[in-house]
Amino acid sequence: MYALCDVDSMYASCEKVFDPSIRHRPVVVLTNNDGCICAACGIAKKMGIGKKFVPFFQVREELEKAGAVIRSSNYELYADMSQRFMDTCTAFAPYSHIYSIDECFLFYGGNYQPEEGWFSHAKEIRRTVWKHVRLPISVGVAPTPTLAKAASHAAKRIEGFNGVAVINNPSTRRHILKNMTTTDVWGVGRKIGKKLNNMGVISAWDLAQAPPGLIRKEFNILLENTVHELNGVVKLSWDDVRSPKKEIFSTRSFGQRVTDKTQLKQAIVTHVEIAARKLRKQQSLAKNIFVFASNSPHDTAPYFRRSLVHSFPSYTSDSSVIATAATQLLDLIYRPGIKFYKCGVGLLNLCPEEAYQPDLFNPMQDNHELMSCMDIINSKYGRDTIHLAGRGIQQTFAMRREYLSKQYTTQLCDLPAIFC
């Protein structure tokens, strides 16, 4: 059996954990630079406010009239709360798979049966997460990952389940699937759903009853596997170790327009550090770096975007080596008078460290000891405790987060204070 544990409105729920004053109010969380809505709590959804990816400036007055609490994305808090949630859930099963920041699969094996029964077991997971982490979650239990996703959907959105759903008999499976559309099924997007509807496949139950061979012929083997999974046959699996990324990018828009070349270089170096840190974490090396900068297509000035690629003489993961190449490319990209809105870097043509064959005529320039020391210090004392001087001290272009809450679990000065 599989169990899918899914946090309800993750970002908004995290905001309510350490601030009791907003627990019974509508909460809306914004994306980078407070641009769009990315999450809304259940109260906000019931009020019909906080639709995803709507520009904030368009609904600011509506949110204020409704008394909504606005928060900027507090990624440091969300990441830490996510880890606590995962640690709590994974203690309930021998195998687990982190699917996203707010979803975790648990696998119990083929013959395991909890003494208290699956429904009581799922309720205990939900109760324990609330007790330890104070996050509301839904738990769906079923014999396949796709059915566990369907059960999780039922736990959240189908009346009568109230946060827990278990698919362990034909009648429950039929009831849940009949109350789901095709696009509610895991892996079925809008385009595929529309084509299915044109074929007369309207509900998830209709999809489960469709001939697998026909589905494979009209679509692909992935959707055929979905049909099997909806009928209780396991077809999906995940790797015990996530495969390394083939490309690593770091990009972000500025909190305010940048025209100064020095500030733009500082931003590029910042992105280099982020990408290089991820590169070393997965124990890879990069052969190429991609650098770009642009203004906004919505500005009154003509749109400007330029990108360049540099090849290193030998593979590297050293932040200093990568930053030197990136700033040289930026000298060719920068144009005076342009109000830059976004920039970023990408590390391409990656190679695992263990598989790299050194070049006799182009030895590596990396300072492995320095990079290792830098990573250890930042891991122990917090990100960016030490960094390259090229990124500057005060970054006026940093991401705008005007509604940012405290980083209650990752910053010593933000620890909650209790007065007795």
Protein backbone atom coordinates (compact mmCIF):
# COMPACT_ATOMS: atom_id res chain seq x y z
CA MET A 1 0.00 0.00 0.00
CA TYR A 2 1.00 3.60 -0.65
CA ALA A 3 0.13 6.70 1.36
CA LEU A 4 0.37 10.24 0.03
CA CYS A 5 0.72 12.95 2.66
CA ASP A 6 -0.07 16.40 1.29
CA VAL A 7 0.03 19.69 3.21
CA ASP A 8 -3.08 21.82 2.76
CA SER A 9 -2.12 25.21 1.25
CA MET A 10 1.52 24.76 2.29
CA TYR A 11 2.81 28.33 2.12
CA ALA A 12 -0.24 29.89 3.73
CA SER A 13 -0.37 27.19 6.42
CA CYS A 14 3.30 27.80 7.31
CA GLU A 15 2.54 31.49 7.81
CA LYS A 16 -0.15 30.64 10.37
CA VAL A 17 1.97 28.31 12.51
CA PHE A 18 3.87 31.01 14.42
CA ASP A 19 1.28 33.82 14.18
CA PRO A 20 -1.90 32.92 16.07
CA SER A 21 -3.47 36.29 15.20
CA ILE A 22 -3.96 35.27 11.54
CA ARG A 23 -5.06 31.65 11.97
CA HIS A 24 -8.72 32.48 11.44
CA ARG A 25 -8.19 35.09 8.73
CA PRO A 26 -7.72 34.74 4.94
CA VAL A 27 -4.01 34.54 4.11
CA VAL A 28 -2.53 35.08 0.65
CA VAL A 29 1.14 34.48 -0.27
CA LEU A 30 2.89 36.26 -3.16
CA THR A 31 5.55 35.12 -5.62
CA ASN A 32 9.03 36.60 -6.15
CA ASN A 33 9.12 40.40 -5.95
CA ASP A 34 5.52 40.32 -4.71
CA GLY A 35 4.38 39.94 -8.30
CA CYS A 36 1.53 37.40 -8.32
CA ILE A 37 -0.46 35.27 -5.91
CA CYS A 38 1.05 31.81 -5.50
CA ALA A 39 -0.92 30.42 -2.54
CA ALA A 40 -4.06 31.06 -0.52
CA CYS A 41 -5.41 29.40 2.60
CA GLY A 42 -8.74 27.57 2.71
CA ILE A 43 -10.53 30.58 4.20
CA ALA A 44 -9.41 32.79 1.32
CA LYS A 45 -10.48 30.18 -1.24
CA LYS A 46 -13.96 29.94 0.28
CA MET A 47 -14.23 33.72 0.07
CA GLY A 48 -13.35 33.56 -3.62
CA ILE A 49 -10.15 35.57 -3.27
CA GLY A 50 -6.51 34.66 -3.83
CA LYS A 51 -6.71 32.95 -7.21
CA LYS A 52 -3.31 31.60 -8.24
CA PHE A 53 -1.02 33.56 -10.54
CA VAL A 54 -3.24 36.65 -10.63
CA PRO A 55 -1.05 39.82 -10.55
CA PHE A 56 -1.12 41.28 -7.06
CA PHE A 57 -1.62 44.88 -8.18
CA GLN A 58 -4.86 43.88 -9.92
CA VAL A 59 -6.48 42.47 -6.76
CA ARG A 60 -4.80 44.54 -4.04
CA GLU A 61 -7.95 46.57 -3.28
CA GLU A 62 -10.14 43.46 -3.32
CA LEU A 63 -7.85 41.72 -0.83
CA GLU A 64 -7.76 44.77 1.44
CA LYS A 65 -11.56 45.02 1.47
CA ALA A 66 -11.80 41.34 2.40
CA GLY A 67 -9.34 41.85 5.28
CA ALA A 68 -6.85 39.40 3.79
CA VAL A 69 -3.38 39.02 5.29
CA ILE A 70 -0.69 39.47 2.63
CA ARG A 71 2.66 37.70 2.93
CA SER A 72 5.75 37.62 0.73
CA SER A 73 7.21 34.18 0.03
CA ASN A 74 9.32 33.18 3.02
CA TYR A 75 11.29 30.38 1.36
CA GLU A 76 13.61 29.84 4.33
CA LEU A 77 10.65 29.17 6.62
CA TYR A 78 8.83 26.96 4.11
CA ALA A 79 11.89 24.81 3.44
CA ASP A 80 12.50 24.19 7.12
CA MET A 81 8.85 23.43 7.86
CA SER A 82 8.79 21.09 4.87
CA GLN A 83 11.74 19.15 6.25
CA ARG A 84 10.01 18.81 9.63
CA PHE A 85 6.87 17.58 7.89
CA MET A 86 8.85 15.03 5.88
CA ASP A 87 10.75 13.77 8.93
CA THR A 88 7.48 13.24 10.80
CA CYS A 89 5.76 11.38 7.94
CA THR A 90 8.66 9.13 6.97
CA ALA A 91 8.80 7.69 10.49
CA PHE A 92 5.52 5.84 9.74
CA ALA A 93 6.76 3.67 6.84
CA PRO A 94 9.91 1.75 5.86
CA TYR A 95 10.17 3.52 2.48
CA SER A 96 9.42 7.08 1.46
CA HIS A 97 9.75 9.41 -1.51
CA ILE A 98 9.70 13.21 -1.31
CA TYR A 99 7.63 14.26 -4.31
CA SER A 100 7.55 18.02 -3.74
CA ILE A 101 7.93 20.58 -0.97
CA ASP A 102 4.46 19.70 0.37
CA GLU A 103 3.96 16.08 -0.74
CA CYS A 104 5.49 12.84 0.46
CA PHE A 105 4.78 9.24 -0.62
CA LEU A 106 5.05 6.44 1.92
CA PHE A 107 5.38 2.80 0.82
CA TYR A 108 4.62 -0.05 3.19
CA GLY A 109 5.35 -3.08 1.01
CA GLY A 110 2.92 -5.60 -0.39
CA ASN A 111 1.76 -7.50 2.69
CA TYR A 112 1.90 -4.96 5.51
CA GLN A 113 -1.35 -4.33 7.36
CA PRO A 114 -1.45 -2.01 10.39
CA GLU A 115 -3.18 -3.49 13.44
CA GLU A 116 -5.45 -0.48 13.79
CA GLY A 117 -6.47 -0.57 10.12
CA TRP A 118 -5.53 1.76 7.27
CA PHE A 119 -8.07 4.45 8.08
CA SER A 120 -6.96 4.77 11.71
CA HIS A 121 -3.33 4.63 10.62
CA ALA A 122 -3.85 7.51 8.18
CA LYS A 123 -5.65 9.52 10.86
CA GLU A 124 -2.72 8.94 13.20
CA ILE A 125 -0.28 10.31 10.58
CA ARG A 126 -2.45 13.40 10.18
CA ARG A 127 -2.79 13.86 13.95
CA THR A 128 0.96 13.42 14.56
CA VAL A 129 1.95 15.96 11.90
CA TRP A 130 -0.47 18.47 13.43
CA LYS A 131 0.89 17.79 16.92
CA HIS A 132 4.58 18.03 15.97
CA VAL A 133 4.61 20.55 13.12
CA ARG A 134 1.20 22.27 13.34
CA LEU A 135 0.56 21.85 9.62
CA PRO A 136 -2.83 20.57 8.38
CA ILE A 137 -2.42 17.69 5.95
CA SER A 138 -4.53 15.30 3.90
CA VAL A 139 -3.65 11.59 3.70
CA GLY A 140 -4.68 9.28 0.89
CA VAL A 141 -3.99 5.53 1.08
CA ALA A 142 -4.30 3.12 -1.86
CA PRO A 143 -2.58 0.15 -3.54
CA THR A 144 -0.87 2.26 -6.27
CA PRO A 145 0.73 5.73 -6.34
CA THR A 146 -1.87 7.06 -8.80
CA LEU A 147 -4.75 5.80 -6.65
CA ALA A 148 -3.03 7.29 -3.58
CA LYS A 149 -3.06 10.63 -5.42
CA ALA A 150 -6.78 10.09 -6.14
CA ALA A 151 -7.40 9.28 -2.48
CA SER A 152 -5.55 12.44 -1.47
CA HIS A 153 -7.75 14.41 -3.87
CA ALA A 154 -10.84 12.87 -2.26
CA ALA A 155 -9.54 13.64 1.22
CA LYS A 156 -9.31 17.31 0.28
CA ARG A 157 -12.15 17.93 -2.13
CA ILE A 158 -14.83 15.22 -1.99
CA GLU A 159 -17.47 15.62 0.68
CA GLY A 160 -17.45 13.10 3.50
CA PHE A 161 -13.76 12.23 3.71
CA ASN A 162 -12.54 15.15 5.88
CA GLY A 163 -8.79 14.89 5.35
CA VAL A 164 -8.41 11.09 5.16
CA ALA A 165 -9.36 8.70 2.36
CA VAL A 166 -8.51 5.01 1.92
CA ILE A 167 -9.08 3.11 -1.30
CA ASN A 168 -9.04 -0.55 -0.24
CA ASN A 169 -12.19 -1.92 -1.87
CA PRO A 170 -13.91 -1.67 -5.28
CA SER A 171 -16.86 0.41 -4.08
CA THR A 172 -14.68 3.16 -2.57
CA ARG A 173 -12.49 3.24 -5.66
CA ARG A 174 -15.53 3.57 -7.91
CA HIS A 175 -17.10 6.29 -5.77
CA ILE A 176 -13.94 8.41 -5.72
CA LEU A 177 -13.09 8.01 -9.39
CA LYS A 178 -16.66 8.82 -10.45
CA ASN A 179 -16.36 12.12 -8.56
CA MET A 180 -13.12 13.10 -10.31
CA THR A 181 -12.67 14.56 -13.77
CA THR A 182 -9.95 13.25 -16.06
CA THR A 183 -7.76 16.30 -15.35
CA ASP A 184 -7.99 15.52 -11.63
CA VAL A 185 -5.98 12.36 -12.31
CA TRP A 186 -2.27 12.56 -11.63
CA GLY A 187 -0.39 13.21 -14.87
CA VAL A 188 -3.39 14.15 -17.01
CA GLY A 189 -3.13 17.75 -18.20
CA ARG A 190 -5.66 20.04 -19.78
CA LYS A 191 -4.73 19.18 -23.37
CA ILE A 192 -4.94 15.41 -22.82
CA GLY A 193 -8.10 15.86 -20.76
CA LYS A 194 -9.79 17.72 -23.60
CA LYS A 195 -8.92 14.96 -26.08
CA LEU A 196 -10.21 12.33 -23.64
CA ASN A 197 -13.47 14.24 -23.26
CA ASN A 198 -13.87 14.31 -27.03
CA MET A 199 -13.56 10.51 -26.93
CA GLY A 200 -16.34 10.29 -24.36
CA VAL A 201 -13.97 9.76 -21.41
CA ILE A 202 -15.31 12.32 -18.93
CA SER A 203 -14.55 11.08 -15.42
CA ALA A 204 -11.60 9.30 -13.86
CA TRP A 205 -13.80 6.22 -13.68
CA ASP A 206 -14.32 6.38 -17.44
CA LEU A 207 -10.56 6.51 -17.89
CA ALA A 208 -10.12 3.48 -15.63
CA GLN A 209 -12.60 1.54 -17.78
CA ALA A 210 -10.94 2.52 -21.07
CA PRO A 211 -9.04 -0.23 -22.97
CA PRO A 212 -5.33 0.21 -22.14
CA GLY A 213 -4.27 -0.69 -25.68
CA LEU A 214 -6.50 2.01 -27.16
CA ILE A 215 -5.17 4.62 -24.71
CA ARG A 216 -1.60 3.71 -25.64
CA LYS A 217 -2.42 3.93 -29.35
CA GLU A 218 -4.15 7.31 -29.07
CA PHE A 219 -1.78 8.83 -26.47
CA ASN A 220 1.32 7.14 -25.02
CA ILE A 221 2.55 4.42 -22.71
CA LEU A 222 2.51 6.80 -19.73
CA LEU A 223 -1.25 7.27 -19.92
CA GLU A 224 -1.67 3.52 -20.46
CA ASN A 225 0.24 2.98 -17.21
CA THR A 226 -2.11 5.46 -15.54
CA VAL A 227 -5.09 3.32 -16.63
CA HIS A 228 -3.45 0.24 -15.10
CA GLU A 229 -2.71 2.14 -11.89
CA LEU A 230 -6.33 3.30 -11.61
CA ASN A 231 -7.24 -0.40 -11.67
CA GLY A 232 -4.83 -1.30 -8.88
CA VAL A 233 -1.84 -2.51 -10.92
CA VAL A 234 1.41 -0.81 -9.90
CA LYS A 235 3.26 0.58 -12.92
CA LEU A 236 5.04 3.62 -11.50
CA SER A 237 8.20 3.63 -9.42
CA TRP A 238 10.82 6.08 -8.30
CA ASP A 239 14.57 5.84 -7.97
CA ASP A 240 16.02 5.43 -4.50
CA VAL A 241 18.50 8.17 -5.40
CA ARG A 242 17.38 11.12 -7.49
CA SER A 243 19.42 11.37 -10.68
CA PRO A 244 21.72 14.41 -10.99
CA LYS A 245 20.52 17.40 -12.98
CA LYS A 246 21.89 17.78 -16.48
CA GLU A 247 21.69 21.58 -16.33
CA ILE A 248 21.66 23.97 -13.39
CA PHE A 249 20.22 27.47 -13.66
CA SER A 250 19.84 30.39 -11.30
CA THR A 251 17.73 33.32 -12.49
CA ARG A 252 15.61 35.96 -10.83
CA SER A 253 14.08 39.33 -11.57
CA PHE A 254 15.30 42.37 -9.65
CA GLY A 255 13.39 44.12 -6.89
CA GLN A 256 13.96 47.34 -8.85
CA ARG A 257 15.39 48.14 -12.27
CA VAL A 258 19.20 48.06 -12.53
CA THR A 259 21.19 50.36 -14.79
CA ASP A 260 24.57 50.30 -13.03
CA LYS A 261 27.09 47.84 -14.46
CA THR A 262 28.63 47.08 -11.07
CA GLN A 263 25.27 46.14 -9.58
CA LEU A 264 24.54 43.91 -12.55
CA LYS A 265 27.88 42.15 -12.05
CA GLN A 266 27.11 41.65 -8.39
CA ALA A 267 23.80 40.04 -9.33
CA ILE A 268 25.52 37.72 -11.83
CA VAL A 269 28.11 36.66 -9.23
CA THR A 270 25.29 35.96 -6.77
CA HIS A 271 23.66 33.64 -9.29
CA VAL A 272 27.03 31.99 -9.97
CA GLU A 273 27.40 31.18 -6.27
CA ILE A 274 23.93 29.67 -6.10
CA ALA A 275 24.42 27.53 -9.21
CA ALA A 276 27.95 26.46 -8.27
CA ARG A 277 26.82 25.44 -4.79
CA LYS A 278 24.14 23.20 -6.32
CA LEU A 279 26.73 21.83 -8.76
CA ARG A 280 29.09 20.79 -5.97
CA LYS A 281 26.23 19.39 -3.89
CA GLN A 282 25.39 16.87 -6.61
CA GLN A 283 29.12 16.23 -7.14
CA SER A 284 29.23 17.39 -10.74
CA LEU A 285 31.44 19.56 -12.93
CA ALA A 286 30.45 22.02 -15.67
CA LYS A 287 32.04 22.60 -19.07
CA ASN A 288 29.97 25.62 -20.15
CA ILE A 289 28.33 28.65 -18.59
CA PHE A 290 25.38 30.55 -20.03
CA VAL A 291 24.84 34.19 -18.98
CA PHE A 292 21.94 36.46 -19.90
CA ALA A 293 20.42 39.81 -18.95
CA SER A 294 17.29 41.60 -20.16
CA ASN A 295 14.88 44.41 -19.46
CA SER A 296 11.16 43.78 -19.09
CA PRO A 297 9.02 43.23 -22.20
CA HIS A 298 6.35 45.30 -20.46
CA ASP A 299 8.54 48.41 -20.21
CA THR A 300 7.96 51.33 -22.58
CA ALA A 301 11.53 51.03 -23.90
CA PRO A 302 12.30 48.52 -26.69
CA TYR A 303 12.83 44.99 -25.44
CA PHE A 304 16.49 44.07 -24.97
CA ARG A 305 17.80 40.61 -24.17
CA ARG A 306 21.27 39.24 -24.78
CA SER A 307 22.92 35.97 -23.81
CA LEU A 308 26.36 34.42 -24.31
CA VAL A 309 27.96 31.04 -23.66
CA HIS A 310 31.53 30.41 -22.48
CA SER A 311 33.41 27.10 -22.57
CA PHE A 312 35.92 26.44 -19.79
CA PRO A 313 39.33 25.00 -20.78
CA SER A 314 38.60 22.16 -18.35
CA TYR A 315 35.56 21.11 -16.34
CA THR A 316 35.05 23.06 -13.12
CA SER A 317 32.91 23.52 -10.03
CA ASP A 318 34.91 26.38 -8.49
CA SER A 319 32.79 29.47 -7.82
CA SER A 320 35.73 31.80 -8.41
CA VAL A 321 36.59 30.29 -11.81
CA ILE A 322 32.95 30.39 -12.90
CA ALA A 323 32.42 33.93 -11.62
CA THR A 324 35.48 35.22 -13.51
CA ALA A 325 34.12 33.84 -16.77
CA ALA A 326 30.61 35.14 -16.06
CA THR A 327 31.76 38.70 -15.41
CA GLN A 328 33.82 38.67 -18.62
CA LEU A 329 30.70 37.68 -20.55
CA LEU A 330 28.73 40.42 -18.84
CA ASP A 331 31.17 43.02 -20.20
CA LEU A 332 29.91 42.02 -23.65
CA ILE A 333 26.25 41.84 -22.62
CA TYR A 334 25.91 45.13 -20.75
CA ARG A 335 24.58 48.12 -22.61
CA PRO A 336 24.39 51.62 -21.02
CA GLY A 337 20.91 53.06 -20.66
CA ILE A 338 19.12 49.73 -20.44
CA LYS A 339 16.97 49.29 -17.33
CA PHE A 340 17.71 45.66 -16.62
CA TYR A 341 14.87 43.68 -15.06
CA LYS A 342 16.26 40.16 -14.97
CA CYS A 343 19.52 38.26 -15.26
CA GLY A 344 20.82 34.79 -14.62
CA VAL A 345 23.35 32.06 -15.29
CA GLY A 346 23.18 28.44 -16.36
CA LEU A 347 25.77 25.70 -15.95
CA LEU A 348 25.66 23.36 -18.95
CA ASN A 349 27.26 20.16 -20.22
CA LEU A 350 27.57 18.68 -16.74
CA CYS A 351 29.71 15.69 -15.89
CA PRO A 352 29.87 13.61 -12.66
CA GLU A 353 33.09 14.20 -10.73
CA GLU A 354 33.80 10.46 -10.57
CA ALA A 355 33.51 10.12 -14.36
CA TYR A 356 35.69 13.12 -15.27
CA GLN A 357 38.91 12.36 -17.10
CA PRO A 358 41.50 15.18 -16.60
CA ASP A 359 43.05 16.87 -19.60
CA LEU A 360 46.85 16.65 -19.72
CA PHE A 361 47.18 20.00 -21.52
CA ASN A 362 44.40 21.88 -19.64
CA PRO A 363 44.72 21.07 -15.92
CA MET A 364 41.85 22.07 -13.61
CA GLN A 365 42.17 25.48 -11.97
CA ASP A 366 39.79 24.60 -9.10
CA ASN A 367 40.74 25.16 -5.48
CA HIS A 368 38.91 22.17 -4.01
CA GLU A 369 40.01 22.81 -0.44
CA LEU A 370 38.75 26.40 -0.52
CA MET A 371 35.38 25.44 -2.00
CA SER A 372 34.97 22.60 0.49
CA CYS A 373 35.79 24.93 3.39
CA MET A 374 33.36 27.53 2.06
CA ASP A 375 30.54 24.99 1.74
CA ILE A 376 31.14 23.56 5.22
CA ILE A 377 31.08 27.01 6.87
CA ASN A 378 27.91 28.06 5.03
CA SER A 379 26.25 24.76 5.86
CA LYS A 380 27.06 25.11 9.54
CA TYR A 381 26.49 28.82 10.11
CA GLY A 382 23.95 29.65 7.41
CA ARG A 383 23.95 30.36 3.71
CA ASP A 384 26.13 33.26 2.59
CA THR A 385 28.04 33.44 5.87
CA ILE A 386 31.06 33.76 3.60
CA HIS A 387 30.85 34.51 -0.11
CA LEU A 388 32.79 35.92 -3.05
CA ALA A 389 33.65 39.59 -2.75
CA GLY A 390 32.38 40.15 -6.28
CA ARG A 391 28.75 39.91 -5.17
CA GLY A 392 29.11 43.00 -2.98
CA ILE A 393 28.01 43.72 0.58
CA GLN A 394 24.72 45.58 0.20
CA GLN A 395 22.62 44.54 -2.76
CA THR A 396 20.08 47.22 -3.61
CA PHE A 397 18.70 45.02 -6.39
CA ALA A 398 17.69 42.21 -4.02
CA MET A 399 14.29 40.58 -4.40
CA ARG A 400 11.43 42.75 -3.15
CA ARG A 401 9.60 41.15 -0.22
CA GLU A 402 7.65 43.95 1.43
CA TYR A 403 5.31 41.60 3.28
CA LEU A 404 7.92 39.15 4.55
CA SER A 405 7.24 37.43 7.85
CA LYS A 406 9.98 36.41 10.28
CA GLN A 407 12.18 33.41 9.65
CA TYR A 408 11.10 31.82 12.91
CA THR A 409 13.07 28.59 12.64
CA THR A 410 16.22 29.57 10.76
CA GLN A 411 17.24 32.97 12.20
CA LEU A 412 18.29 33.25 15.83
CA CYS A 413 16.95 36.81 16.10
CA ASP A 414 13.53 35.65 14.82
CA LEU A 415 12.97 32.87 17.34
CA PRO A 416 9.46 33.19 18.83
CA ALA A 417 9.40 34.71 22.30
CA ILE A 418 7.01 33.31 24.91
CA PHE A 419 5.99 35.47 27.86
CA CYS A 420 4.59 33.66 30.88
